[in-house]
Amino acid sequence: MTYVDNELTEEAVPEIWGKLNEYDFGGGAENIDFVIYFDKPNKTCRILMDLYYPEDDFNVPEIDEIAEYYCPVFEDFYKRNKPY
């Protein structure tokens, strides 16, 4: 999943990075990693949320179901914790 933030600065990344990595987003993902990068020409910041599921789990939901669960949870958390 990708979240675009037009206001996040590079200086604020450590603060939000720590909060993202400490929060339990629930759901069925075995592991969640984040990648934050800046698109300087377009003046945007993108936060990628990578979700990992066990290889032997045959009950992994479809991508639409995953997004339906995680997008609102992530956006709500981010709005409450953004460092500006």
N, C-alpha and C. Protein backbone atom coordinates (compact mmCIF):
# COMPACT_ATOMS: atom_id res chain seq x y z
N MET A 1 0.85 -1.17 0.00
CA MET A 1 0.00 0.00 0.00
C MET A 1 0.89 1.23 0.00
N THR A 2 0.43 2.27 -0.62
CA THR A 2 1.20 3.51 -0.68
C THR A 2 0.35 4.64 -0.12
N TYR A 3 0.98 5.46 0.72
CA TYR A 3 0.33 6.64 1.27
C TYR A 3 1.18 7.84 0.89
N VAL A 4 0.56 8.87 0.35
CA VAL A 4 1.29 10.05 -0.08
C VAL A 4 1.03 11.18 0.91
N ASP A 5 2.11 11.82 1.36
CA ASP A 5 2.01 12.94 2.29
C ASP A 5 2.80 14.09 1.69
N ASN A 6 2.13 15.18 1.40
CA ASN A 6 2.79 16.33 0.79
C ASN A 6 3.43 17.27 1.81
N GLU A 7 3.30 16.97 3.10
CA GLU A 7 3.81 17.87 4.12
C GLU A 7 4.94 17.28 4.96
N LEU A 8 5.11 15.97 4.94
CA LEU A 8 6.14 15.34 5.75
C LEU A 8 7.52 15.78 5.29
N THR A 9 8.36 16.13 6.25
CA THR A 9 9.73 16.55 5.93
C THR A 9 10.70 15.44 6.31
N GLU A 10 11.88 15.46 5.73
CA GLU A 10 12.89 14.44 6.02
C GLU A 10 13.28 14.48 7.50
N GLU A 11 13.26 15.64 8.11
CA GLU A 11 13.62 15.77 9.51
C GLU A 11 12.62 15.06 10.43
N ALA A 12 11.38 14.94 9.99
CA ALA A 12 10.34 14.33 10.82
C ALA A 12 10.26 12.81 10.64
N VAL A 13 11.01 12.26 9.69
CA VAL A 13 10.92 10.83 9.41
C VAL A 13 11.25 9.97 10.63
N PRO A 14 12.33 10.24 11.38
CA PRO A 14 12.61 9.35 12.53
C PRO A 14 11.45 9.24 13.51
N GLU A 15 10.76 10.33 13.75
CA GLU A 15 9.64 10.31 14.70
C GLU A 15 8.50 9.42 14.19
N ILE A 16 8.08 9.63 12.94
CA ILE A 16 6.97 8.84 12.42
C ILE A 16 7.42 7.41 12.16
N TRP A 17 8.67 7.21 11.78
CA TRP A 17 9.21 5.87 11.55
C TRP A 17 9.10 5.02 12.82
N GLY A 18 9.50 5.59 13.93
CA GLY A 18 9.42 4.87 15.20
C GLY A 18 8.01 4.51 15.57
N LYS A 19 7.09 5.43 15.38
CA LYS A 19 5.69 5.17 15.71
C LYS A 19 5.08 4.11 14.81
N LEU A 20 5.40 4.17 13.52
CA LEU A 20 4.87 3.18 12.58
C LEU A 20 5.36 1.78 12.94
N ASN A 21 6.62 1.67 13.27
CA ASN A 21 7.19 0.36 13.54
C ASN A 21 6.82 -0.20 14.90
N GLU A 22 6.31 0.64 15.79
CA GLU A 22 5.91 0.17 17.12
C GLU A 22 4.43 -0.16 17.21
N TYR A 23 3.64 0.30 16.26
CA TYR A 23 2.20 0.13 16.34
C TYR A 23 1.78 -1.23 15.79
N ASP A 24 0.84 -1.87 16.45
CA ASP A 24 0.29 -3.14 15.98
C ASP A 24 -0.93 -2.84 15.12
N PHE A 25 -0.77 -3.01 13.82
CA PHE A 25 -1.86 -2.70 12.91
C PHE A 25 -2.88 -3.83 12.82
N GLY A 26 -2.65 -4.91 13.55
CA GLY A 26 -3.60 -6.01 13.56
C GLY A 26 -3.66 -6.70 12.21
N GLY A 27 -4.79 -7.29 11.92
CA GLY A 27 -4.95 -8.00 10.65
C GLY A 27 -4.17 -9.30 10.67
N GLY A 28 -4.07 -9.92 9.52
CA GLY A 28 -3.45 -11.23 9.45
C GLY A 28 -2.02 -11.23 8.96
N ALA A 29 -1.44 -10.07 8.73
CA ALA A 29 -0.07 -10.04 8.22
C ALA A 29 0.90 -10.55 9.27
N GLU A 30 1.85 -11.36 8.83
CA GLU A 30 2.86 -11.90 9.73
C GLU A 30 3.89 -10.84 10.09
N ASN A 31 4.17 -9.97 9.13
CA ASN A 31 5.15 -8.91 9.34
C ASN A 31 4.76 -7.71 8.49
N ILE A 32 5.06 -6.52 8.99
CA ILE A 32 4.78 -5.29 8.25
C ILE A 32 6.06 -4.46 8.27
N ASP A 33 6.50 -4.04 7.10
CA ASP A 33 7.66 -3.16 6.97
C ASP A 33 7.24 -1.87 6.28
N PHE A 34 7.98 -0.81 6.57
CA PHE A 34 7.70 0.48 5.96
C PHE A 34 8.91 0.99 5.22
N VAL A 35 8.65 1.65 4.10
CA VAL A 35 9.68 2.33 3.34
C VAL A 35 9.18 3.75 3.14
N ILE A 36 10.00 4.72 3.48
CA ILE A 36 9.63 6.12 3.30
C ILE A 36 10.62 6.74 2.33
N TYR A 37 10.12 7.35 1.26
CA TYR A 37 11.03 8.02 0.34
C TYR A 37 10.41 9.32 -0.16
N PHE A 38 11.30 10.21 -0.53
CA PHE A 38 10.88 11.54 -0.98
C PHE A 38 11.03 11.64 -2.49
N ASP A 39 9.99 12.15 -3.11
CA ASP A 39 9.99 12.42 -4.54
C ASP A 39 10.19 13.93 -4.67
N LYS A 40 11.46 14.33 -4.68
CA LYS A 40 11.77 15.76 -4.64
C LYS A 40 11.23 16.55 -5.83
N PRO A 41 11.30 16.02 -7.06
CA PRO A 41 10.75 16.81 -8.18
C PRO A 41 9.26 17.11 -8.01
N ASN A 42 8.51 16.16 -7.44
CA ASN A 42 7.07 16.37 -7.26
C ASN A 42 6.72 16.87 -5.86
N LYS A 43 7.72 17.02 -5.01
CA LYS A 43 7.55 17.54 -3.66
C LYS A 43 6.54 16.72 -2.85
N THR A 44 6.68 15.41 -2.93
CA THR A 44 5.81 14.53 -2.16
C THR A 44 6.66 13.51 -1.41
N CYS A 45 6.06 12.96 -0.40
CA CYS A 45 6.68 11.87 0.36
C CYS A 45 5.75 10.68 0.23
N ARG A 46 6.33 9.54 -0.03
CA ARG A 46 5.54 8.31 -0.14
C ARG A 46 5.94 7.36 0.98
N ILE A 47 4.95 6.82 1.62
CA ILE A 47 5.17 5.82 2.66
C ILE A 47 4.59 4.52 2.13
N LEU A 48 5.45 3.54 1.96
CA LEU A 48 5.02 2.24 1.49
C LEU A 48 4.86 1.30 2.67
N MET A 49 3.76 0.63 2.72
CA MET A 49 3.49 -0.35 3.77
C MET A 49 3.52 -1.72 3.11
N ASP A 50 4.55 -2.49 3.40
CA ASP A 50 4.69 -3.83 2.84
C ASP A 50 4.18 -4.85 3.85
N LEU A 51 3.25 -5.67 3.41
CA LEU A 51 2.63 -6.68 4.27
C LEU A 51 3.11 -8.05 3.84
N TYR A 52 3.55 -8.83 4.80
CA TYR A 52 4.04 -10.18 4.52
C TYR A 52 3.14 -11.20 5.21
N TYR A 53 2.81 -12.23 4.47
CA TYR A 53 2.00 -13.33 4.98
C TYR A 53 2.81 -14.62 4.90
N PRO A 54 2.58 -15.56 5.79
CA PRO A 54 3.31 -16.83 5.74
C PRO A 54 3.09 -17.54 4.39
N GLU A 55 4.15 -18.11 3.87
CA GLU A 55 4.06 -18.81 2.58
C GLU A 55 3.08 -19.96 2.61
N ASP A 56 2.98 -20.63 3.74
CA ASP A 56 2.12 -21.80 3.82
C ASP A 56 0.68 -21.46 4.23
N ASP A 57 0.36 -20.19 4.32
CA ASP A 57 -1.00 -19.77 4.69
C ASP A 57 -1.85 -19.68 3.42
N PHE A 58 -2.75 -20.61 3.26
CA PHE A 58 -3.59 -20.65 2.07
C PHE A 58 -4.87 -19.83 2.25
N ASN A 59 -5.01 -19.19 3.39
CA ASN A 59 -6.19 -18.38 3.66
C ASN A 59 -5.90 -16.89 3.56
N VAL A 60 -4.84 -16.52 2.85
CA VAL A 60 -4.50 -15.11 2.69
C VAL A 60 -5.61 -14.43 1.89
N PRO A 61 -6.14 -13.33 2.41
CA PRO A 61 -7.22 -12.65 1.70
C PRO A 61 -6.75 -12.06 0.37
N GLU A 62 -7.70 -11.75 -0.48
CA GLU A 62 -7.40 -11.09 -1.75
C GLU A 62 -6.90 -9.67 -1.46
N ILE A 63 -6.19 -9.10 -2.41
CA ILE A 63 -5.58 -7.78 -2.23
C ILE A 63 -6.62 -6.72 -1.89
N ASP A 64 -7.81 -6.81 -2.47
CA ASP A 64 -8.85 -5.82 -2.17
C ASP A 64 -9.29 -5.90 -0.71
N GLU A 65 -9.39 -7.12 -0.19
CA GLU A 65 -9.78 -7.29 1.22
C GLU A 65 -8.68 -6.77 2.15
N ILE A 66 -7.43 -7.02 1.77
CA ILE A 66 -6.31 -6.54 2.57
C ILE A 66 -6.33 -5.01 2.62
N ALA A 67 -6.48 -4.40 1.46
CA ALA A 67 -6.51 -2.93 1.38
C ALA A 67 -7.71 -2.37 2.15
N GLU A 68 -8.84 -3.03 2.05
CA GLU A 68 -10.05 -2.57 2.74
C GLU A 68 -9.84 -2.54 4.25
N TYR A 69 -9.06 -3.49 4.76
CA TYR A 69 -8.79 -3.51 6.20
C TYR A 69 -7.69 -2.51 6.56
N TYR A 70 -6.54 -2.60 5.90
CA TYR A 70 -5.37 -1.85 6.33
C TYR A 70 -5.39 -0.35 5.98
N CYS A 71 -5.97 0.03 4.86
CA CYS A 71 -5.96 1.45 4.47
C CYS A 71 -6.59 2.35 5.54
N PRO A 72 -7.80 2.08 5.98
CA PRO A 72 -8.39 2.96 7.00
C PRO A 72 -7.64 2.94 8.32
N VAL A 73 -7.14 1.76 8.71
CA VAL A 73 -6.40 1.64 9.97
C VAL A 73 -5.12 2.48 9.89
N PHE A 74 -4.40 2.35 8.77
CA PHE A 74 -3.17 3.10 8.58
C PHE A 74 -3.44 4.60 8.52
N GLU A 75 -4.41 5.01 7.73
CA GLU A 75 -4.70 6.44 7.57
C GLU A 75 -5.13 7.07 8.89
N ASP A 76 -5.96 6.38 9.66
CA ASP A 76 -6.38 6.90 10.96
C ASP A 76 -5.17 7.04 11.89
N PHE A 77 -4.34 6.01 11.95
CA PHE A 77 -3.15 6.06 12.79
C PHE A 77 -2.23 7.20 12.35
N TYR A 78 -2.01 7.33 11.06
CA TYR A 78 -1.09 8.35 10.54
C TYR A 78 -1.60 9.75 10.84
N LYS A 79 -2.87 9.98 10.64
CA LYS A 79 -3.44 11.30 10.91
C LYS A 79 -3.31 11.69 12.38
N ARG A 80 -3.43 10.71 13.28
CA ARG A 80 -3.29 11.00 14.71
C ARG A 80 -1.84 11.20 15.14
N ASN A 81 -0.90 10.67 14.37
CA ASN A 81 0.50 10.66 14.80
C ASN A 81 1.47 11.42 13.90
N LYS A 82 0.97 12.09 12.87
CA LYS A 82 1.90 12.79 11.99
C LYS A 82 2.62 13.89 12.78
N PRO A 83 3.90 14.04 12.49
CA PRO A 83 4.74 14.93 13.31
C PRO A 83 4.69 16.40 12.91
N TYR A 84 3.58 16.91 12.47
CA TYR A 84 3.45 18.33 12.15
C TYR A 84 2.04 18.76 12.42
